[in-house]
Structures are given as structure tokens and as C-alpha cells.
Amino acid sequence: MRSSWLGLAALVAALLSGSFQRVPAQDVEQTSESKKGASLSTELRFRLFTASYRWSSYRSGAMDLPDSGKRSLYVVPALGVRFYPKNGHGVLVDVDYRLDIDVDSDAEFLCIFDCPPQLWTEFVVAHAGYGYRYVIRTARERGRLLWTLTPHASVAAGKSYTDRTGSFNQSEQSAVVGARFGLDIDLHINRFFMGWTLRYEILKHTKGNLRLSHFLSWNVIPVFAIGAVIGREVRAPVP
């Protein structure tokens, strides 16, 4: 009888020992998956060559300024980052430089003598705001390709630099503040992506001859707007 009780106790002890060994393993696995799902997803964004068209208005006191100074086309390189903590809601920060190529000037190409007055205005602008990254579900659930749509809005602040040539040269600087609204369409290939952007922005000049400037920005070639994802990968939503 004593040997039977000892055998039963050994069997119970073995079962309990096995169950205690399995439970922590399950807990660790679940905790690991939970941490993985809650990790931060960060997008590094680079706009290498995007275009922007500006149209502006002068202050009422501005005189002897060329009409071409109210409009111009820009080449806009930019650098930015976006943070998505748990879902599609995220925050964005970026900065860009707008190089005025003055295609709307009244001056002829390579004008040297007797040139009409010209006005170049360049900008450095930073943005901070909100974006929602919507992942489009594709037929290939486990494929490497994903599409995302990201509408976003942000406040803008920076500086404008204006140079005037003509009867006399003149330079001025002004702080600018405003807002930007945009939509990004991106094709994700593993952790890298490229895409298309469309943005509208309005900026108020705090001083100088320019009063308000409007921008419409876009890019046609997707490899000029590229980026990479760090942290949690972009995943298609589970149906």
C-alpha cells in the first residue's frame, strides 16, 4: 500500500511539474507578441526632388514690384519623420527648403543687359502635425507589397528670403506661419517605400512686401519621395 501511495504521489508531482513548466512558456510567448504589437512604428521620409507652385499677394503699400514676383515654381527637397504608436494615428515632423527657379520671370533666358526687375523668394519651412496611415488590404496577405494612404494636416513655421534685382538690388527676410494639408500614397516593399504626394499650404508673411503665399506641391516620379520603416512593420488589417 505504501509503495502505491508513493507511486501516485510521484505521478502527481510529475504532472504538476510539467504544467508549471508549460505555463511560463505560454506567458512569455504571449507577452512577447503583446510587446511586438505595441512597439513603435517610425517612418523616415525623404523627398529628393518634388515640385511646388506658389502664388502670392503683395501688401497694399508695395510699389514698383514685378508681377512675376507673385508666382514661381520651386524645387523642394525635404526630410521628415512620422511616429505611429499602436495604430494608424500618428504624429509627423518635417522640414523643407524651397528653391525658387523663377520660371515665371519676365526676363529672357540668360538676360545680361537691360533686364526687367525680378523677384526671387525662397523658403525654409518646418511642420508638425497629425497623420492617419490607412493600410490597404491586398489579395496577397503575406506578400511583400502593401499600399498605404495617409491624409495629414500640420501647422507650419519658417522663414522667407526675398532678393530683388532691377533699378536697385534689395533683400528682405520675413518669418512665415501657416498650415498645410496633404495626402500621401505609398507603395511599401518590406521596410522601404516610395510614393506620390499632393499638398496645399498657406503661409502668412509677418513683414516685407509679400502678404500671403499659397503653395500646391506634388511629385510625379515615386522614387523622388522615398522612405523606410523602423520598429513595428506595416501590416495589412486582419479581416
Protein backbone atom coordinates (compact mmCIF):
# COMPACT_ATOMS: atom_id res chain seq x y z
CA MET A 1 0.00 0.00 0.00
CA ARG A 2 2.80 2.35 0.93
CA SER A 3 4.52 1.79 -2.42
CA SER A 4 1.22 2.52 -4.22
CA TRP A 5 0.86 5.85 -2.44
CA LEU A 6 4.45 6.73 -3.25
CA GLY A 7 3.88 5.93 -6.94
CA LEU A 8 0.70 8.05 -7.06
CA ALA A 9 2.48 10.97 -5.39
CA ALA A 10 5.34 10.75 -7.89
CA LEU A 11 2.86 10.77 -10.81
CA VAL A 12 1.01 13.83 -9.45
CA ALA A 13 4.32 15.63 -8.87
CA ALA A 14 5.43 14.90 -12.43
CA LEU A 15 2.15 16.24 -13.89
CA LEU A 16 2.30 19.38 -11.79
CA SER A 17 5.92 19.95 -12.72
CA GLY A 18 5.12 19.67 -16.45
CA SER A 19 2.17 22.06 -16.21
CA PHE A 20 4.23 24.68 -14.36
CA GLN A 21 6.93 24.43 -16.99
CA ARG A 22 4.49 24.97 -19.86
CA VAL A 23 2.55 27.90 -18.40
CA PRO A 24 5.51 30.27 -18.16
CA ALA A 25 6.48 29.44 -21.74
CA GLN A 26 2.97 30.36 -22.91
CA ASP A 27 3.03 33.54 -20.84
CA VAL A 28 6.40 34.53 -22.27
CA GLU A 29 5.17 33.92 -25.81
CA GLN A 30 2.01 35.95 -25.26
CA THR A 31 3.96 38.75 -23.60
CA SER A 32 6.43 38.78 -26.48
CA GLU A 33 3.62 39.02 -29.03
CA SER A 34 1.96 41.77 -26.99
CA LYS A 35 5.17 43.80 -26.87
CA LYS A 36 5.71 43.26 -30.57
CA GLY A 37 2.23 44.54 -31.37
CA ALA A 38 2.66 47.60 -29.13
CA SER A 39 6.08 48.64 -30.46
CA LEU A 40 6.51 51.99 -32.17
CA SER A 41 6.38 52.20 -35.95
CA THR A 42 8.57 55.03 -37.27
CA GLU A 43 8.74 56.29 -40.85
CA LEU A 44 11.80 58.16 -42.11
CA ARG A 45 10.81 60.19 -45.17
CA PHE A 46 12.97 61.83 -47.83
CA ARG A 47 11.67 63.99 -50.68
CA LEU A 48 14.56 64.33 -53.09
CA PHE A 49 13.01 66.24 -55.96
CA THR A 50 9.41 67.42 -55.68
CA ALA A 51 7.82 70.44 -57.31
CA SER A 52 5.76 73.25 -55.78
CA TYR A 53 3.92 76.15 -57.41
CA ARG A 54 3.45 79.40 -55.46
CA TRP A 55 1.03 82.27 -55.95
CA SER A 56 1.20 85.25 -53.59
CA SER A 57 -0.28 88.66 -52.91
CA TYR A 58 1.54 91.93 -52.19
CA ARG A 59 0.82 94.26 -49.31
CA SER A 60 -1.10 97.41 -50.16
CA GLY A 61 1.99 99.57 -49.64
CA ALA A 62 4.23 97.60 -52.00
CA MET A 63 5.28 99.61 -55.08
CA ASP A 64 7.39 99.10 -58.20
CA LEU A 65 7.42 95.33 -57.79
CA PRO A 66 7.19 92.98 -60.80
CA ASP A 67 4.05 90.91 -61.17
CA SER A 68 6.26 87.85 -61.69
CA GLY A 69 7.25 88.14 -58.03
CA LYS A 70 3.75 86.96 -57.09
CA ARG A 71 4.29 83.50 -58.55
CA SER A 72 7.03 80.96 -59.14
CA LEU A 73 7.89 77.28 -59.41
CA TYR A 74 10.07 75.57 -56.80
CA VAL A 75 12.23 72.50 -56.38
CA VAL A 76 11.62 71.21 -52.83
CA PRO A 77 13.92 68.74 -51.04
CA ALA A 78 12.62 67.70 -47.61
CA LEU A 79 13.38 65.48 -44.62
CA GLY A 80 10.79 64.18 -42.15
CA VAL A 81 9.81 61.56 -39.60
CA ARG A 82 6.45 60.11 -38.53
CA PHE A 83 5.60 58.14 -35.39
CA TYR A 84 2.73 55.62 -35.12
CA PRO A 85 2.47 54.26 -31.54
CA LYS A 86 -0.20 51.49 -31.80
CA ASN A 87 -2.46 52.05 -34.78
CA GLY A 88 -2.89 54.27 -37.82
CA HIS A 89 -2.92 57.53 -35.81
CA GLY A 90 0.45 59.25 -35.75
CA VAL A 91 2.36 62.49 -35.44
CA LEU A 92 4.68 64.00 -38.05
CA VAL A 93 7.60 66.40 -38.08
CA ASP A 94 9.43 67.58 -41.20
CA VAL A 95 11.38 70.45 -42.70
CA ASP A 96 11.85 71.52 -46.33
CA TYR A 97 13.79 74.02 -48.41
CA ARG A 98 12.09 75.66 -51.42
CA LEU A 99 14.46 76.68 -54.18
CA ASP A 100 12.97 79.35 -56.46
CA ILE A 101 13.76 78.58 -60.13
CA ASP A 102 11.82 81.68 -61.30
CA VAL A 103 10.28 80.19 -64.43
CA ASP A 104 7.61 82.91 -64.48
CA SER A 105 10.04 85.81 -64.69
CA ASP A 106 9.52 88.43 -67.42
CA ALA A 107 13.25 88.35 -68.15
CA GLU A 108 14.52 86.35 -71.10
CA PHE A 109 16.69 83.31 -70.54
CA LEU A 110 20.27 84.32 -69.60
CA CYS A 111 19.38 88.01 -69.65
CA ILE A 112 22.52 90.13 -69.07
CA PHE A 113 21.79 93.73 -70.16
CA ASP A 114 18.69 95.88 -69.65
CA CYS A 115 16.82 93.14 -67.79
CA PRO A 116 13.37 93.80 -66.28
CA PRO A 117 13.03 93.76 -62.47
CA GLN A 118 12.96 90.30 -60.94
CA LEU A 119 11.98 88.98 -57.53
CA TRP A 120 13.24 85.67 -56.11
CA THR A 121 11.73 84.32 -52.90
CA GLU A 122 12.96 81.16 -51.20
CA PHE A 123 11.64 79.44 -48.10
CA VAL A 124 12.73 77.21 -45.23
CA VAL A 125 9.64 75.78 -43.51
CA ALA A 126 9.13 73.27 -40.69
CA HIS A 127 5.90 71.36 -39.98
CA ALA A 128 4.41 69.49 -37.02
CA GLY A 129 1.03 67.78 -37.14
CA TYR A 130 -1.16 64.70 -37.36
CA GLY A 131 -1.48 61.94 -39.95
CA TYR A 132 -3.59 58.80 -40.31
CA ARG A 133 -1.94 55.85 -42.08
CA TYR A 134 -4.55 53.63 -43.68
CA VAL A 135 -3.25 50.26 -44.92
CA ILE A 136 -4.98 48.85 -47.98
CA ARG A 137 -5.56 45.12 -47.76
CA THR A 138 -4.35 43.21 -50.82
CA ALA A 139 -5.12 39.73 -52.15
CA ARG A 140 -1.64 38.56 -51.17
CA GLU A 141 -1.95 38.75 -47.38
CA ARG A 142 1.59 37.58 -46.73
CA GLY A 143 3.14 39.33 -49.73
CA ARG A 144 5.89 41.90 -49.53
CA LEU A 145 3.87 44.68 -51.17
CA LEU A 146 1.44 46.96 -49.34
CA TRP A 147 -0.28 50.23 -50.23
CA THR A 148 -0.95 52.97 -47.69
CA LEU A 149 -2.98 56.19 -47.84
CA THR A 150 -2.03 58.93 -45.39
CA PRO A 151 -4.07 62.14 -45.15
CA HIS A 152 -2.36 64.65 -42.89
CA ALA A 153 -2.59 68.19 -41.52
CA SER A 154 0.03 70.28 -39.78
CA VAL A 155 0.97 73.75 -38.63
CA ALA A 156 3.85 75.46 -40.44
CA ALA A 157 6.51 77.95 -39.39
CA GLY A 158 9.67 79.15 -41.07
CA LYS A 159 11.33 81.99 -42.92
CA SER A 160 11.25 83.54 -46.40
CA TYR A 161 14.18 85.18 -48.18
CA THR A 162 13.46 87.67 -50.99
CA ASP A 163 16.00 89.17 -53.41
CA ARG A 164 15.04 91.91 -55.85
CA THR A 165 17.02 92.96 -58.92
CA GLY A 166 16.35 95.83 -61.30
CA SER A 167 16.96 99.56 -60.82
CA PHE A 168 18.46 98.68 -57.42
CA ASN A 169 19.10 95.49 -55.51
CA GLN A 170 17.16 94.82 -52.35
CA SER A 171 16.94 91.87 -49.93
CA GLU A 172 14.45 91.18 -47.17
CA GLN A 173 13.59 88.40 -44.77
CA SER A 174 10.35 87.54 -43.05
CA ALA A 175 9.03 84.94 -40.64
CA VAL A 176 6.14 82.89 -42.07
CA VAL A 177 3.40 80.96 -40.29
CA GLY A 178 0.51 78.92 -41.62
CA ALA A 179 -0.96 75.47 -42.20
CA ARG A 180 -0.56 72.55 -44.61
CA PHE A 181 -2.94 69.78 -45.76
CA GLY A 182 -1.90 66.80 -47.83
CA LEU A 183 -2.33 63.22 -48.98
CA ASP A 184 0.42 60.63 -49.45
CA ILE A 185 0.05 57.40 -51.44
CA ASP A 186 2.89 54.97 -50.74
CA LEU A 187 3.91 51.54 -52.02
CA HIS A 188 5.68 49.58 -49.27
CA ILE A 189 8.21 46.91 -50.22
CA ASN A 190 9.21 45.21 -46.97
CA ARG A 191 10.53 48.09 -44.85
CA PHE A 192 11.12 50.50 -47.72
CA PHE A 193 8.54 52.59 -49.56
CA MET A 194 8.12 55.15 -52.33
CA GLY A 195 5.11 57.09 -53.44
CA TRP A 196 3.24 60.17 -54.53
CA THR A 197 2.40 63.35 -52.59
CA LEU A 198 -0.14 66.12 -53.04
CA ARG A 199 -0.16 69.11 -50.66
CA TYR A 200 -1.71 72.54 -50.27
CA GLU A 201 -0.20 75.11 -47.93
CA ILE A 202 -0.91 78.71 -46.98
CA LEU A 203 1.71 80.92 -45.32
CA LYS A 204 1.42 84.44 -43.91
CA HIS A 205 4.46 86.72 -44.12
CA THR A 206 4.83 88.73 -40.92
CA LYS A 207 6.70 91.58 -42.69
CA GLY A 208 8.03 92.61 -46.06
CA ASN A 209 6.26 93.18 -49.38
CA LEU A 210 4.64 89.74 -49.62
CA ARG A 211 1.44 89.26 -47.62
CA LEU A 212 0.16 85.71 -48.24
CA SER A 213 1.71 82.83 -50.17
CA HIS A 214 -0.13 79.73 -51.35
CA PHE A 215 1.63 76.52 -52.42
CA LEU A 216 0.47 73.49 -54.38
CA SER A 217 3.08 70.71 -54.19
CA TRP A 218 3.29 67.34 -55.90
CA ASN A 219 5.62 64.70 -57.30
CA VAL A 220 5.05 62.51 -60.34
CA ILE A 221 8.00 60.09 -60.11
CA PRO A 222 7.65 57.96 -56.94
CA VAL A 223 11.38 57.30 -56.44
CA PHE A 224 11.78 61.01 -55.61
CA ALA A 225 9.66 60.53 -52.45
CA ILE A 226 11.11 57.55 -50.58
CA GLY A 227 11.49 56.30 -47.02
CA ALA A 228 12.00 53.43 -44.60
CA VAL A 229 10.08 51.97 -41.66
CA ILE A 230 11.86 51.39 -38.35
CA GLY A 231 10.33 49.39 -35.49
CA ARG A 232 6.95 47.75 -35.99
CA GLU A 233 6.38 46.79 -39.61
CA VAL A 234 3.38 47.98 -41.58
CA ARG A 235 0.79 45.19 -41.63
CA ALA A 236 -2.46 44.72 -43.53
CA PRO A 237 -5.55 44.81 -41.26
CA VAL A 238 -6.95 41.46 -40.18
CA PRO A 239 -10.48 40.90 -41.58
